[in-house]
């Protein structure tokens, strides 16, 4: 995995984990142990879904750059739909507090997206591949006036 990919993953996963820890503490204080467990489960789900999606998107960008934008839109749509399915599936669970789960899921998803946007803006990624130097001088194609 290239260092830019690892750096982007760390710059998105760490703030998400911190937001999840804060949400777990707040949920634990408000709803008890089940609230904290719901927040932890939601944080893990978001980091896994979004992390896998980020890796797939970066691999697509390297191998099929012409599909990058379409793949990104499809991937984010699928991720959000899967997160809604998770909320609906665990709506009536007794394992953890479903409200803490749903709220933490939304908050950590927003933190992930914001952190990913910030990481992408701060990354110094070349969008034009520089030509290799082979010892040849560039040809002057303009007029000599």
Protein backbone atom coordinates (compact mmCIF):
# COMPACT_ATOMS: atom_id res chain seq x y z
CA UNK A 1 0.00 0.00 0.00
CA UNK A 2 1.54 3.35 -1.05
CA UNK A 3 2.33 5.86 1.67
CA UNK A 4 -0.24 8.39 0.37
CA UNK A 5 -2.97 5.77 0.76
CA UNK A 6 -1.90 4.96 4.32
CA UNK A 7 -1.66 8.65 5.17
CA UNK A 8 -5.18 9.30 3.83
CA UNK A 9 -6.55 6.30 5.70
CA UNK A 10 -4.95 7.45 8.96
CA UNK A 11 -6.10 11.04 8.48
CA UNK A 12 -9.69 9.82 8.13
CA UNK A 13 -9.81 6.88 10.55
CA UNK A 14 -8.21 8.63 13.53
CA UNK A 15 -10.69 11.55 13.72
CA UNK A 16 -13.53 9.08 13.22
CA UNK A 17 -12.28 6.90 16.07
CA UNK A 18 -11.92 9.97 18.30
CA UNK A 19 -15.48 11.06 17.46
CA UNK A 20 -16.64 7.51 18.19
CA UNK A 21 -14.88 7.53 21.56
CA UNK A 22 -16.52 10.85 22.46
CA UNK A 23 -19.89 9.49 21.32
CA UNK A 24 -19.34 6.33 23.38
CA UNK A 25 -18.57 8.40 26.46
CA UNK A 26 -21.63 10.59 25.98
CA UNK A 27 -23.86 7.61 25.17
CA UNK A 28 -22.50 5.75 28.18
CA UNK A 29 -23.33 8.70 30.39
CA UNK A 30 -26.82 9.13 28.96
CA UNK A 31 -27.91 5.56 28.20
CA UNK A 32 -25.53 3.44 30.26
CA UNK A 33 -23.48 0.50 29.08
CA UNK A 34 -25.83 -0.36 26.21
CA UNK A 35 -25.49 3.19 24.88
CA UNK A 36 -21.71 2.99 24.95
CA UNK A 37 -21.79 -0.41 23.26
CA UNK A 38 -24.08 0.95 20.53
CA UNK A 39 -21.72 3.85 19.90
CA UNK A 40 -18.69 1.54 19.74
CA UNK A 41 -20.43 -0.83 17.30
CA UNK A 42 -21.47 2.11 15.11
CA UNK A 43 -17.93 3.49 15.08
CA UNK A 44 -16.48 0.13 14.08
CA UNK A 45 -19.09 -0.28 11.32
CA UNK A 46 -18.34 3.17 9.88
CA UNK A 47 -14.55 2.70 9.99
CA UNK A 48 -14.84 -0.71 8.31
CA UNK A 49 -17.31 0.35 5.61
CA UNK A 50 -15.64 3.63 4.79
CA UNK A 51 -12.12 2.18 5.04
CA UNK A 52 -12.92 -0.63 2.64
CA UNK A 53 -14.60 1.85 0.33
CA UNK A 54 -11.58 4.14 0.41
CA UNK A 55 -9.26 1.27 -0.45
CA UNK A 56 -11.49 0.15 -3.34
CA UNK A 57 -11.71 3.70 -4.63
CA UNK A 58 -7.94 4.23 -4.50
CA UNK A 59 -7.32 0.94 -6.26
CA UNK A 60 -9.83 1.91 -8.94
CA UNK A 61 -8.12 5.28 -9.37
CA UNK A 62 -4.82 3.57 -10.05
CA UNK A 63 -6.02 0.81 -12.35
CA UNK A 64 -9.05 2.38 -14.08
CA UNK A 65 -8.73 6.17 -13.80
CA UNK A 66 -11.46 6.79 -16.36
CA UNK A 67 -13.99 5.10 -14.02
CA UNK A 68 -12.87 6.95 -10.88
CA UNK A 69 -15.66 9.53 -10.65
CA UNK A 70 -18.45 7.10 -11.49
CA UNK A 71 -17.02 4.54 -9.09
CA UNK A 72 -16.80 7.14 -6.34
CA UNK A 73 -20.44 8.16 -6.74
CA UNK A 74 -21.60 4.55 -6.85
CA UNK A 75 -19.46 3.62 -3.86
CA UNK A 76 -20.71 6.45 -1.63
CA UNK A 77 -24.30 5.73 -2.59
CA UNK A 78 -23.85 2.05 -1.76
CA UNK A 79 -22.15 2.88 1.54
CA UNK A 80 -24.94 5.21 2.63
CA UNK A 81 -27.58 2.65 1.65
CA UNK A 82 -25.76 -0.05 3.62
CA UNK A 83 -25.55 2.24 6.64
CA UNK A 84 -29.32 2.88 6.42
CA UNK A 85 -29.85 -0.88 6.21
CA UNK A 86 -27.75 -1.31 9.37
CA UNK A 87 -29.86 1.29 11.18
CA UNK A 88 -33.07 -0.44 10.06
CA UNK A 89 -31.77 -3.91 10.94
CA UNK A 90 -30.77 -2.92 14.47
CA UNK A 91 -33.77 -0.66 15.11
CA UNK A 92 -35.36 -3.00 17.66
CA UNK A 93 -32.28 -4.72 19.05
CA UNK A 94 -31.76 -5.36 22.72
CA UNK A 95 -27.99 -5.85 22.41
CA UNK A 96 -27.33 -2.11 22.57
CA UNK A 97 -29.15 1.21 22.52
CA UNK A 98 -30.41 1.69 18.94
CA UNK A 99 -30.69 5.48 19.28
CA UNK A 100 -27.07 5.79 20.38
CA UNK A 101 -26.10 3.45 17.55
CA UNK A 102 -27.97 5.46 14.91
CA UNK A 103 -26.80 8.85 16.13
CA UNK A 104 -23.18 7.71 16.37
CA UNK A 105 -23.43 6.15 12.91
CA UNK A 106 -24.52 9.48 11.42
CA UNK A 107 -21.99 11.57 13.35
CA UNK A 108 -19.01 9.32 12.62
CA UNK A 109 -19.98 9.10 8.93
CA UNK A 110 -20.01 12.89 8.72
CA UNK A 111 -16.67 13.08 10.53
CA UNK A 112 -15.20 10.51 8.13
CA UNK A 113 -16.40 12.43 5.06
CA UNK A 114 -15.12 15.74 6.43
CA UNK A 115 -11.76 14.24 7.36
CA UNK A 116 -11.47 12.58 3.96
CA UNK A 117 -12.18 15.87 2.20
CA UNK A 118 -9.58 17.62 4.37
CA UNK A 119 -7.00 14.87 3.77
CA UNK A 120 -7.57 15.04 0.02
CA UNK A 121 -7.22 18.84 -0.04
CA UNK A 122 -3.96 18.70 1.94
CA UNK A 123 -2.47 15.84 -0.09
CA UNK A 124 0.07 16.78 -2.69
CA UNK A 125 -1.11 14.46 -5.44
CA UNK A 126 0.10 15.03 -8.96
CA UNK A 127 -2.72 15.20 -11.42
CA UNK A 128 -0.36 15.33 -14.39
CA UNK A 129 2.32 12.68 -14.76
CA UNK A 130 5.70 14.38 -15.28
CA UNK A 131 7.69 13.18 -18.26
CA UNK A 132 10.79 11.20 -17.48
CA UNK A 133 14.20 12.72 -18.10
CA UNK A 134 16.20 10.63 -20.55
CA UNK A 135 18.94 13.15 -21.16
CA UNK A 136 17.19 14.56 -24.20
CA UNK A 137 16.55 18.26 -24.46
CA UNK A 138 12.99 19.26 -25.25
CA UNK A 139 12.39 20.26 -28.83
CA UNK A 140 11.41 23.84 -29.45
CA UNK A 141 8.31 23.71 -31.59
CA UNK A 142 7.64 27.45 -31.64
CA UNK A 143 8.89 29.99 -34.17
CA UNK A 144 12.25 31.72 -33.65
CA UNK A 145 11.39 35.36 -34.02
